[in-house]
Every structure is written in C-alpha cells, then in structure tokens.
C-alpha cells in the first residue's frame, strides 16, 4: 500500500476517535458509570494509535505495522465502545472469543515488531 492509503486510514481513524470523544463527553450517559471508564479507555487507545498509524509510512515495514496497529486498534477500541454503548459485556465477544484481549495483544505485538524487526 502507498503512504497515501495509510494517511487516509489514519485520518478516518483520527476523525472517528475525535467524534466518539465528543459523544463520550457530551452525549454518553450510561446507567452503569463503570461503562464510562470502559468507553474512555477505548477512546484513549483509539486516539493514540490513530496518531501512530499516521506515522506508518515512515516505518521500515509500513504494511505490516499499519495492518497490525489498525487491526489491534479496531478490535480493542471497537470492543470497548460496543461494551460501553450497550452496557453489556457480552458484546465484546465474537461467539466465545473475547475481542479486547486479542486487540490488545495485537497492539503489543505491533509495538514489539516495530522494535525488533529490521
């Protein structure tokens, strides 16, 4: 993929992260207040990794790192948003597979790959 593709992915990710942050700050009123922390945690990871995705074209293996950061962010943050917005922890599973830990592990591996791969 070209650099412009990764910049588009980063732009869409960043824009959606900011829009969701605005919703979290002004429109999200969960009955269970613990869900606010779940939402905010997902949003924090979403914002941070959107910026990382913008830097992907500068990385030695842009397609590998871009894919890992994008998939990890989507799984982790997406499952946090789904859990918080529905106030149902079951929505963060695909069948019996928990998505947040898979997304988080993918992000850890993406950072490790950035450090260890030539």
PDB file of N, CA and C in Angstrom:
ATOM      1  N   UNK A   1       0.847  -1.181   0.000  1.00  0.00           N
ATOM      2  CA  UNK A   1       0.000   0.000   0.000  1.00  0.00           C
ATOM      3  C   UNK A   1       0.887   1.237   0.000  1.00  0.00           C
ATOM      4  N   UNK A   2       0.354   2.292  -0.541  1.00  0.00           N
ATOM      5  CA  UNK A   2       1.134   3.523  -0.596  1.00  0.00           C
ATOM      6  C   UNK A   2       0.941   4.336   0.679  1.00  0.00           C
ATOM      7  N   UNK A   3       1.810   5.333   0.832  1.00  0.00           N
ATOM      8  CA  UNK A   3       1.727   6.199   2.013  1.00  0.00           C
ATOM      9  C   UNK A   3       0.369   6.879   2.092  1.00  0.00           C
ATOM     10  N   UNK A   4      -0.188   7.262   0.938  1.00  0.00           N
ATOM     11  CA  UNK A   4      -1.471   7.974   0.967  1.00  0.00           C
ATOM     12  C   UNK A   4      -2.592   7.109   1.535  1.00  0.00           C
ATOM     13  N   UNK A   5      -2.521   5.800   1.327  1.00  0.00           N
ATOM     14  CA  UNK A   5      -3.540   4.913   1.905  1.00  0.00           C
ATOM     15  C   UNK A   5      -3.455   4.952   3.429  1.00  0.00           C
ATOM     16  N   UNK A   6      -2.243   4.844   3.967  1.00  0.00           N
ATOM     17  CA  UNK A   6      -2.090   4.845   5.425  1.00  0.00           C
ATOM     18  C   UNK A   6      -2.471   6.201   6.010  1.00  0.00           C
ATOM     19  N   UNK A   7      -2.223   7.286   5.281  1.00  0.00           N
ATOM     20  CA  UNK A   7      -2.656   8.598   5.772  1.00  0.00           C
ATOM     21  C   UNK A   7      -4.183   8.691   5.778  1.00  0.00           C
ATOM     22  N   UNK A   8      -4.818   8.080   4.796  1.00  0.00           N
ATOM     23  CA  UNK A   8      -6.289   8.067   4.784  1.00  0.00           C
ATOM     24  C   UNK A   8      -6.839   7.233   5.939  1.00  0.00           C
ATOM     25  N   UNK A   9      -6.238   6.077   6.161  1.00  0.00           N
ATOM     26  CA  UNK A   9      -6.665   5.237   7.291  1.00  0.00           C
ATOM     27  C   UNK A   9      -6.503   6.022   8.594  1.00  0.00           C
ATOM     28  N   UNK A  10      -5.351   6.678   8.758  1.00  0.00           N
ATOM     29  CA  UNK A  10      -5.103   7.464   9.973  1.00  0.00           C
ATOM     30  C   UNK A  10      -6.100   8.606  10.096  1.00  0.00           C
ATOM     31  N   UNK A  11      -6.388   9.279   8.988  1.00  0.00           N
ATOM     32  CA  UNK A  11      -7.339  10.389   9.022  1.00  0.00           C
ATOM     33  C   UNK A  11      -8.734   9.944   9.414  1.00  0.00           C
ATOM     34  N   UNK A  12      -9.194   8.849   8.827  1.00  0.00           N
ATOM     35  CA  UNK A  12     -10.520   8.322   9.176  1.00  0.00           C
ATOM     36  C   UNK A  12     -10.561   7.837  10.617  1.00  0.00           C
ATOM     37  N   UNK A  13      -9.498   7.178  11.037  1.00  0.00           N
ATOM     38  CA  UNK A  13      -9.432   6.693  12.414  1.00  0.00           C
ATOM     39  C   UNK A  13      -9.415   7.863  13.393  1.00  0.00           C
ATOM     40  N   UNK A  14      -8.581   8.856  13.108  1.00  0.00           N
ATOM     41  CA  UNK A  14      -8.495  10.018  13.991  1.00  0.00           C
ATOM     42  C   UNK A  14      -9.802  10.790  14.055  1.00  0.00           C
ATOM     43  N   UNK A  15     -10.438  10.997  12.897  1.00  0.00           N
ATOM     44  CA  UNK A  15     -11.711  11.719  12.873  1.00  0.00           C
ATOM     45  C   UNK A  15     -12.780  10.974  13.670  1.00  0.00           C
ATOM     46  N   UNK A  16     -12.841   9.658  13.494  1.00  0.00           N
ATOM     47  CA  UNK A  16     -13.843   8.890  14.247  1.00  0.00           C
ATOM     48  C   UNK A  16     -13.520   8.878  15.737  1.00  0.00           C
ATOM     49  N   UNK A  17     -12.230   8.876  16.087  1.00  0.00           N
ATOM     50  CA  UNK A  17     -11.848   8.916  17.506  1.00  0.00           C
ATOM     51  C   UNK A  17     -12.275  10.230  18.148  1.00  0.00           C
ATOM     52  N   UNK A  18     -12.084  11.342  17.436  1.00  0.00           N
ATOM     53  CA  UNK A  18     -12.483  12.649  17.978  1.00  0.00           C
ATOM     54  C   UNK A  18     -14.006  12.743  18.061  1.00  0.00           C
ATOM     55  N   UNK A  19     -14.709  12.247  17.043  1.00  0.00           N
ATOM     56  CA  UNK A  19     -16.175  12.261  17.083  1.00  0.00           C
ATOM     57  C   UNK A  19     -16.696  11.426  18.255  1.00  0.00           C
ATOM     58  N   UNK A  20     -16.100  10.270  18.465  1.00  0.00           N
ATOM     59  CA  UNK A  20     -16.515   9.434  19.593  1.00  0.00           C
ATOM     60  C   UNK A  20     -16.149  10.073  20.926  1.00  0.00           C
ATOM     61  N   UNK A  21     -15.024  10.779  20.987  1.00  0.00           N
ATOM     62  CA  UNK A  21     -14.658  11.501  22.215  1.00  0.00           C
ATOM     63  C   UNK A  21     -15.705  12.568  22.524  1.00  0.00           C
ATOM     64  N   UNK A  22     -16.168  13.271  21.488  1.00  0.00           N
ATOM     65  CA  UNK A  22     -17.206  14.287  21.688  1.00  0.00           C
ATOM     66  C   UNK A  22     -18.493  13.642  22.193  1.00  0.00           C
ATOM     67  N   UNK A  23     -18.856  12.513  21.602  1.00  0.00           N
ATOM     68  CA  UNK A  23     -20.050  11.804  22.076  1.00  0.00           C
ATOM     69  C   UNK A  23     -19.866  11.358  23.530  1.00  0.00           C
ATOM     70  N   UNK A  24     -18.678  10.847  23.831  1.00  0.00           N
ATOM     71  CA  UNK A  24     -18.409  10.404  25.201  1.00  0.00           C
ATOM     72  C   UNK A  24     -18.493  11.537  26.206  1.00  0.00           C
ATOM     73  N   UNK A  25     -18.065  12.727  25.797  1.00  0.00           N
ATOM     74  CA  UNK A  25     -18.064  13.874  26.707  1.00  0.00           C
ATOM     75  C   UNK A  25     -19.433  14.536  26.821  1.00  0.00           C
ATOM     76  N   UNK A  26     -20.219  14.505  25.745  1.00  0.00           N
ATOM     77  CA  UNK A  26     -21.449  15.301  25.733  1.00  0.00           C
ATOM     78  C   UNK A  26     -22.745  14.515  25.574  1.00  0.00           C
ATOM     79  N   UNK A  27     -22.673  13.274  25.114  1.00  0.00           N
ATOM     80  CA  UNK A  27     -23.911  12.565  24.853  1.00  0.00           C
ATOM     81  C   UNK A  27     -24.032  11.205  25.503  1.00  0.00           C
ATOM     82  N   UNK A  28     -22.957  10.733  26.077  1.00  0.00           N
ATOM     83  CA  UNK A  28     -22.943   9.385  26.645  1.00  0.00           C
ATOM     84  C   UNK A  28     -23.257   9.463  28.126  1.00  0.00           C
ATOM     85  N   UNK A  29     -24.410   8.935  28.506  1.00  0.00           N
ATOM     86  CA  UNK A  29     -24.843   8.937  29.904  1.00  0.00           C
ATOM     87  C   UNK A  29     -25.233   7.520  30.315  1.00  0.00           C
ATOM     88  N   UNK A  30     -24.246   6.695  30.603  1.00  0.00           N
ATOM     89  CA  UNK A  30     -24.560   5.301  30.932  1.00  0.00           C
ATOM     90  C   UNK A  30     -25.249   5.176  32.285  1.00  0.00           C
ATOM     91  N   UNK A  31     -26.127   4.197  32.373  1.00  0.00           N
ATOM     92  CA  UNK A  31     -26.741   3.899  33.669  1.00  0.00           C
ATOM     93  C   UNK A  31     -25.687   3.363  34.625  1.00  0.00           C
ATOM     94  N   UNK A  32     -24.804   2.530  34.111  1.00  0.00           N
ATOM     95  CA  UNK A  32     -23.707   1.965  34.894  1.00  0.00           C
ATOM     96  C   UNK A  32     -22.475   2.840  34.663  1.00  0.00           C
ATOM     97  N   UNK A  33     -22.107   3.628  35.652  1.00  0.00           N
ATOM     98  CA  UNK A  33     -20.999   4.582  35.499  1.00  0.00           C
ATOM     99  C   UNK A  33     -19.665   3.916  35.201  1.00  0.00           C
ATOM    100  N   UNK A  34     -19.511   2.637  35.529  1.00  0.00           N
ATOM    101  CA  UNK A  34     -18.253   1.958  35.203  1.00  0.00           C
ATOM    102  C   UNK A  34     -18.053   1.866  33.690  1.00  0.00           C
ATOM    103  N   UNK A  35     -19.139   1.994  32.942  1.00  0.00           N
ATOM    104  CA  UNK A  35     -19.047   1.931  31.484  1.00  0.00           C
ATOM    105  C   UNK A  35     -18.366   3.174  30.907  1.00  0.00           C
ATOM    106  N   UNK A  36     -18.398   4.277  31.629  1.00  0.00           N
ATOM    107  CA  UNK A  36     -17.706   5.483  31.166  1.00  0.00           C
ATOM    108  C   UNK A  36     -16.203   5.220  31.087  1.00  0.00           C
ATOM    109  N   UNK A  37     -15.654   4.526  32.075  1.00  0.00           N
ATOM    110  CA  UNK A  37     -14.222   4.204  32.064  1.00  0.00           C
ATOM    111  C   UNK A  37     -13.888   3.270  30.900  1.00  0.00           C
ATOM    112  N   UNK A  38     -14.752   2.318  30.632  1.00  0.00           N
ATOM    113  CA  UNK A  38     -14.543   1.409  29.501  1.00  0.00           C
ATOM    114  C   UNK A  38     -14.517   2.208  28.197  1.00  0.00           C
ATOM    115  N   UNK A  39     -15.477   3.118  28.039  1.00  0.00           N
ATOM    116  CA  UNK A  39     -15.543   3.958  26.841  1.00  0.00           C
ATOM    117  C   UNK A  39     -14.292   4.821  26.719  1.00  0.00           C
ATOM    118  N   UNK A  40     -13.935   5.502  27.808  1.00  0.00           N
ATOM    119  CA  UNK A  40     -12.771   6.398  27.786  1.00  0.00           C
ATOM    120  C   UNK A  40     -11.473   5.647  27.512  1.00  0.00           C
ATOM    121  N   UNK A  41     -11.339   4.448  28.051  1.00  0.00           N
ATOM    122  CA  UNK A  41     -10.143   3.643  27.799  1.00  0.00           C
ATOM    123  C   UNK A  41     -10.040   3.287  26.313  1.00  0.00           C
ATOM    124  N   UNK A  42     -11.138   2.849  25.739  1.00  0.00           N
ATOM    125  CA  UNK A  42     -11.153   2.547  24.307  1.00  0.00           C
ATOM    126  C   UNK A  42     -10.836   3.773  23.476  1.00  0.00           C
ATOM    127  N   UNK A  43     -11.382   4.921  23.871  1.00  0.00           N
ATOM    128  CA  UNK A  43     -11.139   6.146  23.120  1.00  0.00           C
ATOM    129  C   UNK A  43      -9.692   6.609  23.229  1.00  0.00           C
ATOM    130  N   UNK A  44      -9.105   6.474  24.401  1.00  0.00           N
ATOM    131  CA  UNK A  44      -7.698   6.857  24.575  1.00  0.00           C
ATOM    132  C   UNK A  44      -6.800   6.024  23.656  1.00  0.00           C
ATOM    133  N   UNK A  45      -7.000   4.723  23.645  1.00  0.00           N
ATOM    134  CA  UNK A  45      -6.212   3.859  22.762  1.00  0.00           C
ATOM    135  C   UNK A  45      -6.468   4.203  21.294  1.00  0.00           C
ATOM    136  N   UNK A  46      -7.721   4.513  20.957  1.00  0.00           N
ATOM    137  CA  UNK A  46      -8.087   4.858  19.588  1.00  0.00           C
ATOM    138  C   UNK A  46      -7.353   6.125  19.137  1.00  0.00           C
ATOM    139  N   UNK A  47      -7.373   7.160  19.966  1.00  0.00           N
ATOM    140  CA  UNK A  47      -6.695   8.417  19.622  1.00  0.00           C
ATOM    141  C   UNK A  47      -5.188   8.226  19.475  1.00  0.00           C
ATOM    142  N   UNK A  48      -4.578   7.574  20.440  1.00  0.00           N
ATOM    143  CA  UNK A  48      -3.120   7.380  20.417  1.00  0.00           C
ATOM    144  C   UNK A  48      -2.700   6.588  19.178  1.00  0.00           C
ATOM    145  N   UNK A  49      -3.393   5.511  18.910  1.00  0.00           N
ATOM    146  CA  UNK A  49      -2.970   4.658  17.804  1.00  0.00           C
ATOM    147  C   UNK A  49      -3.357   5.231  16.444  1.00  0.00           C
ATOM    148  N   UNK A  50      -4.312   6.158  16.396  1.00  0.00           N
ATOM    149  CA  UNK A  50      -4.567   6.882  15.146  1.00  0.00           C
ATOM    150  C   UNK A  50      -3.342   7.707  14.773  1.00  0.00           C
ATOM    151  N   UNK A  51      -2.733   8.346  15.761  1.00  0.00           N
ATOM    152  CA  UNK A  51      -1.504   9.114  15.505  1.00  0.00           C
ATOM    153  C   UNK A  51      -0.368   8.193  15.070  1.00  0.00           C
ATOM    154  N   UNK A  52      -0.281   7.035  15.684  1.00  0.00           N
ATOM    155  CA  UNK A  52       0.759   6.070  15.298  1.00  0.00           C
ATOM    156  C   UNK A  52       0.551   5.635  13.844  1.00  0.00           C
ATOM    157  N   UNK A  53      -0.697   5.380  13.460  1.00  0.00           N
ATOM    158  CA  UNK A  53      -0.978   4.957  12.086  1.00  0.00           C
ATOM    159  C   UNK A  53      -0.565   6.049  11.097  1.00  0.00           C
ATOM    160  N   UNK A  54      -0.685   7.310  11.486  1.00  0.00           N
ATOM    161  CA  UNK A  54      -0.242   8.406  10.609  1.00  0.00           C
ATOM    162  C   UNK A  54       1.260   8.333  10.343  1.00  0.00           C
ATOM    163  N   UNK A  55       2.014   7.757  11.266  1.00  0.00           N
ATOM    164  CA  UNK A  55       3.469   7.634  11.110  1.00  0.00           C
ATOM    165  C   UNK A  55       3.887   6.353  10.395  1.00  0.00           C
ATOM    166  N   UNK A  56       2.943   5.494  10.093  1.00  0.00           N
ATOM    167  CA  UNK A  56       3.251   4.200   9.469  1.00  0.00           C
ATOM    168  C   UNK A  56       4.092   4.330   8.194  1.00  0.00           C
ATOM    169  N   UNK A  57       3.825   5.302   7.309  1.00  0.00           N
ATOM    170  CA  UNK A  57       4.644   5.384   6.091  1.00  0.00           C
ATOM    171  C   UNK A  57       6.140   5.585   6.356  1.00  0.00           C
ATOM    172  N   UNK A  58       6.497   6.063   7.534  1.00  0.00           N
ATOM    173  CA  UNK A  58       7.901   6.273   7.874  1.00  0.00           C
ATOM    174  C   UNK A  58       8.557   5.017   8.442  1.00  0.00           C
ATOM    175  N   UNK A  59       7.778   3.995   8.701  1.00  0.00           N
ATOM    176  CA  UNK A  59       8.302   2.768   9.300  1.00  0.00           C
ATOM    177  C   UNK A  59       8.929   1.878   8.231  1.00  0.00           C
ATOM    178  N   UNK A  60       9.839   1.015   8.656  1.00  0.00           N
ATOM    179  CA  UNK A  60      10.556   0.153   7.709  1.00  0.00           C
ATOM    180  C   UNK A  60       9.635  -0.855   7.025  1.00  0.00           C
ATOM    181  N   UNK A  61       8.640  -1.322   7.736  1.00  0.00           N
ATOM    182  CA  UNK A  61       7.681  -2.284   7.171  1.00  0.00           C
ATOM    183  C   UNK A  61       6.277  -1.704   7.317  1.00  0.00           C
ATOM    184  N   UNK A  62       5.959  -0.697   6.511  1.00  0.00           N
ATOM    185  CA  UNK A  62       4.711   0.032   6.713  1.00  0.00           C
ATOM    186  C   UNK A  62       3.452  -0.824   6.621  1.00  0.00           C
ATOM    187  N   UNK A  63       3.404  -1.748   5.691  1.00  0.00           N
ATOM    188  CA  UNK A  63       2.175  -2.538   5.559  1.00  0.00           C
ATOM    189  C   UNK A  63       1.971  -3.489   6.725  1.00  0.00           C
ATOM    190  N   UNK A  64       3.031  -4.098   7.198  1.00  0.00           N
ATOM    191  CA  UNK A  64       2.932  -4.984   8.362  1.00  0.00           C
ATOM    192  C   UNK A  64       2.520  -4.192   9.597  1.00  0.00           C
ATOM    193  N   UNK A  65       3.254  -3.118   9.872  1.00  0.00           N
ATOM    194  CA  UNK A  65       2.960  -2.327  11.073  1.00  0.00           C
ATOM    195  C   UNK A  65       1.589  -1.654  10.968  1.00  0.00           C
ATOM    196  N   UNK A  66       1.284  -1.129   9.791  1.00  0.00           N
ATOM    197  CA  UNK A  66      -0.015  -0.481   9.607  1.00  0.00           C
ATOM    198  C   UNK A  66      -1.163  -1.437   9.836  1.00  0.00           C
ATOM    199  N   UNK A  67      -1.047  -2.633   9.277  1.00  0.00           N
ATOM    200  CA  UNK A  67      -2.104  -3.629   9.461  1.00  0.00           C
ATOM    201  C   UNK A  67      -2.238  -4.017  10.928  1.00  0.00           C
ATOM    202  N   UNK A  68      -1.114  -4.229  11.589  1.00  0.00           N
ATOM    203  CA  UNK A  68      -1.166  -4.646  12.997  1.00  0.00           C
ATOM    204  C   UNK A  68      -1.763  -3.551  13.880  1.00  0.00           C
ATOM    205  N   UNK A  69      -1.318  -2.305  13.697  1.00  0.00           N
ATOM    206  CA  UNK A  69      -1.856  -1.214  14.514  1.00  0.00           C
ATOM    207  C   UNK A  69      -3.334  -0.968  14.207  1.00  0.00           C
ATOM    208  N   UNK A  70      -3.725  -1.076  12.945  1.00  0.00           N
ATOM    209  CA  UNK A  70      -5.121  -0.842  12.575  1.00  0.00           C
ATOM    210  C   UNK A  70      -6.032  -1.937  13.126  1.00  0.00           C
ATOM    211  N   UNK A  71      -5.653  -3.186  12.931  1.00  0.00           N
ATOM    212  CA  UNK A  71      -6.476  -4.303  13.418  1.00  0.00           C
ATOM    213  C   UNK A  71      -6.532  -4.304  14.945  1.00  0.00           C
ATOM    214  N   UNK A  72      -5.391  -4.104  15.590  1.00  0.00           N
ATOM    215  CA  UNK A  72      -5.366  -4.072  17.052  1.00  0.00           C
ATOM    216  C   UNK A  72      -6.248  -2.974  17.620  1.00  0.00           C
ATOM    217  N   UNK A  73      -6.168  -1.793  17.017  1.00  0.00           N
ATOM    218  CA  UNK A  73      -6.988  -0.665  17.474  1.00  0.00           C
ATOM    219  C   UNK A  73      -8.467  -0.944  17.254  1.00  0.00           C
ATOM    220  N   UNK A  74      -8.807  -1.458  16.080  1.00  0.00           N
ATOM    221  CA  UNK A  74     -10.214  -1.745  15.787  1.00  0.00           C
ATOM    222  C   UNK A  74     -10.789  -2.773  16.758  1.00  0.00           C
ATOM    223  N   UNK A  75     -10.036  -3.830  17.018  1.00  0.00           N
ATOM    224  CA  UNK A  75     -10.537  -4.867  17.925  1.00  0.00           C
ATOM    225  C   UNK A  75     -10.616  -4.374  19.362  1.00  0.00           C
ATOM    226  N   UNK A  76      -9.541  -3.730  19.837  1.00  0.00           N
ATOM    227  CA  UNK A  76      -9.538  -3.295  21.234  1.00  0.00           C
ATOM    228  C   UNK A  76     -10.544  -2.166  21.458  1.00  0.00           C
ATOM    229  N   UNK A  77     -10.379  -1.078  20.718  1.00  0.00           N
ATOM    230  CA  UNK A  77     -11.251   0.080  20.938  1.00  0.00           C
ATOM    231  C   UNK A  77     -12.686  -0.229  20.539  1.00  0.00           C
ATOM    232  N   UNK A  78     -12.853  -0.943  19.429  1.00  0.00           N
ATOM    233  CA  UNK A  78     -14.208  -1.287  18.997  1.00  0.00           C
ATOM    234  C   UNK A  78     -14.961  -2.097  20.034  1.00  0.00           C
ATOM    235  N   UNK A  79     -14.287  -3.049  20.658  1.00  0.00           N
ATOM    236  CA  UNK A  79     -14.970  -3.853  21.682  1.00  0.00           C
ATOM    237  C   UNK A  79     -15.251  -3.026  22.935  1.00  0.00           C
ATOM    238  N   UNK A  80     -14.361  -2.094  23.259  1.00  0.00           N
ATOM    239  CA  UNK A  80     -14.628  -1.200  24.398  1.00  0.00           C
ATOM    240  C   UNK A  80     -15.849  -0.324  24.115  1.00  0.00           C
ATOM    241  N   UNK A  81     -15.902   0.258  22.916  1.00  0.00           N
ATOM    242  CA  UNK A  81     -17.059   1.084  22.551  1.00  0.00           C
ATOM    243  C   UNK A  81     -18.342   0.264  22.584  1.00  0.00           C
ATOM    244  N   UNK A  82     -18.318  -0.925  21.999  1.00  0.00           N
ATOM    245  CA  UNK A  82     -19.519  -1.767  21.959  1.00  0.00           C
ATOM    246  C   UNK A  82     -19.993  -2.120  23.362  1.00  0.00           C
ATOM    247  N   UNK A  83     -19.055  -2.475  24.223  1.00  0.00           N
ATOM    248  CA  UNK A  83     -19.406  -2.815  25.604  1.00  0.00           C
ATOM    249  C   UNK A  83     -20.016  -1.618  26.318  1.00  0.00           C
ATOM    250  N   UNK A  84     -19.364  -0.467  26.199  1.00  0.00           N
ATOM    251  CA  UNK A  84     -19.828   0.720  26.914  1.00  0.00           C
ATOM    252  C   UNK A  84     -21.171   1.215  26.382  1.00  0.00           C
ATOM    253  N   UNK A  85     -21.318   1.287  25.075  1.00  0.00           N
ATOM    254  CA  UNK A  85     -22.541   1.848  24.498  1.00  0.00           C
ATOM    255  C   UNK A  85     -23.754   0.957  24.703  1.00  0.00           C
ATOM    256  N   UNK A  86     -23.545  -0.353  24.747  1.00  0.00           N
ATOM    257  CA  UNK A  86     -24.663  -1.270  25.003  1.00  0.00           C
ATOM    258  C   UNK A  86     -24.813  -1.584  26.488  1.00  0.00           C
ATOM    259  N   UNK A  87     -23.778  -1.244  27.260  1.00  0.00           N
ATOM    260  CA  UNK A  87     -23.707  -1.580  28.686  1.00  0.00           C
ATOM    261  C   UNK A  87     -23.886  -3.087  28.894  1.00  0.00           C
ATOM    262  N   UNK A  88     -23.283  -3.839  27.993  1.00  0.00           N
ATOM    263  CA  UNK A  88     -23.379  -5.297  28.031  1.00  0.00           C
ATOM    264  C   UNK A  88     -22.021  -5.878  27.640  1.00  0.00           C
ATOM    265  N   UNK A  89     -21.351  -6.479  28.589  1.00  0.00           N
ATOM    266  CA  UNK A  89     -20.009  -7.013  28.331  1.00  0.00           C
ATOM    267  C   UNK A  89     -20.005  -8.150  27.306  1.00  0.00           C
ATOM    268  N   UNK A  90     -21.147  -8.757  27.077  1.00  0.00           N
ATOM    269  CA  UNK A  90     -21.211  -9.842  26.085  1.00  0.00           C
ATOM    270  C   UNK A  90     -20.972  -9.337  24.666  1.00  0.00           C
ATOM    271  N   UNK A  91     -21.172  -8.038  24.432  1.00  0.00           N
ATOM    272  CA  UNK A  91     -20.974  -7.507  23.079  1.00  0.00           C
ATOM    273  C   UNK A  91     -19.505  -7.427  22.697  1.00  0.00           C
ATOM    274  N   UNK A  92     -18.607  -7.623  23.655  1.00  0.00           N
ATOM    275  CA  UNK A  92     -17.179  -7.586  23.335  1.00  0.00           C
ATOM    276  C   UNK A  92     -16.642  -8.973  22.982  1.00  0.00           C
ATOM    277  N   UNK A  93     -17.534  -9.889  22.705  1.00  0.00           N
ATOM    278  CA  UNK A  93     -17.160 -11.255  22.323  1.00  0.00           C
ATOM    279  C   UNK A  93     -17.667 -11.549  20.914  1.00  0.00           C
ATOM    280  N   UNK A  94     -16.908 -12.343  20.193  1.00  0.00           N
ATOM    281  CA  UNK A  94     -17.362 -12.902  18.928  1.00  0.00           C
ATOM    282  C   UNK A  94     -17.557 -14.385  19.212  1.00  0.00           C
ATOM    283  N   UNK A  95     -18.785 -14.763  19.464  1.00  0.00           N
ATOM    284  CA  UNK A  95     -19.051 -16.111  19.970  1.00  0.00           C
ATOM    285  C   UNK A  95     -18.486 -16.211  21.371  1.00  0.00           C
ATOM    286  N   UNK A  96     -17.523 -17.095  21.566  1.00  0.00           N
ATOM    287  CA  UNK A  96     -16.891 -17.224  22.881  1.00  0.00           C
ATOM    288  C   UNK A  96     -15.505 -16.576  22.916  1.00  0.00           C
ATOM    289  N   UNK A  97     -15.156 -15.845  21.857  1.00  0.00           N
ATOM    290  CA  UNK A  97     -13.823 -15.248  21.742  1.00  0.00           C
ATOM    291  C   UNK A  97     -13.860 -13.790  22.207  1.00  0.00           C
ATOM    292  N   UNK A  98     -13.103 -13.451  23.256  1.00  0.00           N
ATOM    293  CA  UNK A  98     -13.074 -12.064  23.728  1.00  0.00           C
ATOM    294  C   UNK A  98     -12.211 -11.200  22.807  1.00  0.00           C
ATOM    295  N   UNK A  99     -12.776 -10.114  22.286  1.00  0.00           N
ATOM    296  CA  UNK A  99     -12.080  -9.308  21.289  1.00  0.00           C
ATOM    297  C   UNK A  99     -11.077  -8.318  21.876  1.00  0.00           C
ATOM    298  N   UNK A 100     -11.370  -7.741  23.036  1.00  0.00           N
ATOM    299  CA  UNK A 100     -10.445  -6.748  23.612  1.00  0.00           C
ATOM    300  C   UNK A 100      -9.059  -7.343  23.882  1.00  0.00           C
ATOM    301  N   UNK A 101      -8.950  -8.507  24.501  1.00  0.00           N
ATOM    302  CA  UNK A 101      -7.612  -9.066  24.716  1.00  0.00           C
ATOM    303  C   UNK A 101      -6.881  -9.404  23.415  1.00  0.00           C
ATOM    304  N   UNK A 102      -7.627  -9.817  22.403  1.00  0.00           N
ATOM    305  CA  UNK A 102      -6.987 -10.098  21.113  1.00  0.00           C
ATOM    306  C   UNK A 102      -6.476  -8.794  20.502  1.00  0.00           C
ATOM    307  N   UNK A 103      -7.290  -7.747  20.571  1.00  0.00           N
ATOM    308  CA  UNK A 103      -6.853  -6.446  20.069  1.00  0.00           C
ATOM    309  C   UNK A 103      -5.671  -5.900  20.843  1.00  0.00           C
ATOM    310  N   UNK A 104      -5.717  -6.016  22.158  1.00  0.00           N
ATOM    311  CA  UNK A 104      -4.606  -5.546  22.986  1.00  0.00           C
ATOM    312  C   UNK A 104      -3.325  -6.311  22.713  1.00  0.00           C
ATOM    313  N   UNK A 105      -3.447  -7.615  22.557  1.00  0.00           N
ATOM    314  CA  UNK A 105      -2.272  -8.436  22.240  1.00  0.00           C
ATOM    315  C   UNK A 105      -1.718  -8.065  20.871  1.00  0.00           C
ATOM    316  N   UNK A 106      -2.595  -7.794  19.927  1.00  0.00           N
ATOM    317  CA  UNK A 106      -2.147  -7.371  18.596  1.00  0.00           C
ATOM    318  C   UNK A 106      -1.386  -6.055  18.680  1.00  0.00           C
ATOM    319  N   UNK A 107      -1.851  -5.127  19.510  1.00  0.00           N
ATOM    320  CA  UNK A 107      -1.134  -3.858  19.684  1.00  0.00           C
ATOM    321  C   UNK A 107       0.231  -4.079  20.337  1.00  0.00           C
ATOM    322  N   UNK A 108       0.290  -4.940  21.332  1.00  0.00           N
ATOM    323  CA  UNK A 108       1.585  -5.255  21.964  1.00  0.00           C
ATOM    324  C   UNK A 108       2.540  -5.835  20.922  1.00  0.00           C
ATOM    325  N   UNK A 109       2.044  -6.760  20.119  1.00  0.00           N
ATOM    326  CA  UNK A 109       2.884  -7.366  19.082  1.00  0.00           C
ATOM    327  C   UNK A 109       3.300  -6.345  18.024  1.00  0.00           C
ATOM    328  N   UNK A 110       2.426  -5.396  17.712  1.00  0.00           N
ATOM    329  CA  UNK A 110       2.769  -4.348  16.744  1.00  0.00           C
ATOM    330  C   UNK A 110       3.921  -3.497  17.260  1.00  0.00           C
ATOM    331  N   UNK A 111       3.856  -3.114  18.533  1.00  0.00           N
ATOM    332  CA  UNK A 111       4.953  -2.336  19.128  1.00  0.00           C
ATOM    333  C   UNK A 111       6.235  -3.162  19.183  1.00  0.00           C
ATOM    334  N   UNK A 112       6.117  -4.433  19.547  1.00  0.00           N
ATOM    335  CA  UNK A 112       7.302  -5.298  19.596  1.00  0.00           C
ATOM    336  C   UNK A 112       7.902  -5.471  18.203  1.00  0.00           C
ATOM    337  N   UNK A 113       7.053  -5.635  17.201  1.00  0.00           N
ATOM    338  CA  UNK A 113       7.541  -5.771  15.825  1.00  0.00           C
ATOM    339  C   UNK A 113       8.261  -4.506  15.382  1.00  0.00           C
ATOM    340  N   UNK A 114       7.750  -3.370  15.787  1.00  0.00           N
ATOM    341  CA  UNK A 114       8.400  -2.102  15.449  1.00  0.00           C
ATOM    342  C   UNK A 114       9.802  -2.042  16.043  1.00  0.00           C
ATOM    343  N   UNK A 115       9.955  -2.565  17.245  1.00  0.00           N
ATOM    344  CA  UNK A 115      11.257  -2.537  17.922  1.00  0.00           C
ATOM    345  C   UNK A 115      12.213  -3.613  17.426  1.00  0.00           C
ATOM    346  N   UNK A 116      11.695  -4.777  17.066  1.00  0.00           N
ATOM    347  CA  UNK A 116      12.563  -5.931  16.838  1.00  0.00           C
ATOM    348  C   UNK A 116      12.819  -6.298  15.382  1.00  0.00           C
ATOM    349  N   UNK A 117      11.915  -5.940  14.491  1.00  0.00           N
ATOM    350  CA  UNK A 117      12.106  -6.335  13.093  1.00  0.00           C
ATOM    351  C   UNK A 117      13.011  -5.343  12.379  1.00  0.00           C
ATOM    352  N   UNK A 118      13.930  -5.851  11.585  1.00  0.00           N
ATOM    353  CA  UNK A 118      14.858  -4.950  10.881  1.00  0.00           C
ATOM    354  C   UNK A 118      14.161  -4.152   9.792  1.00  0.00           C
TER     355      UNK A 118
END
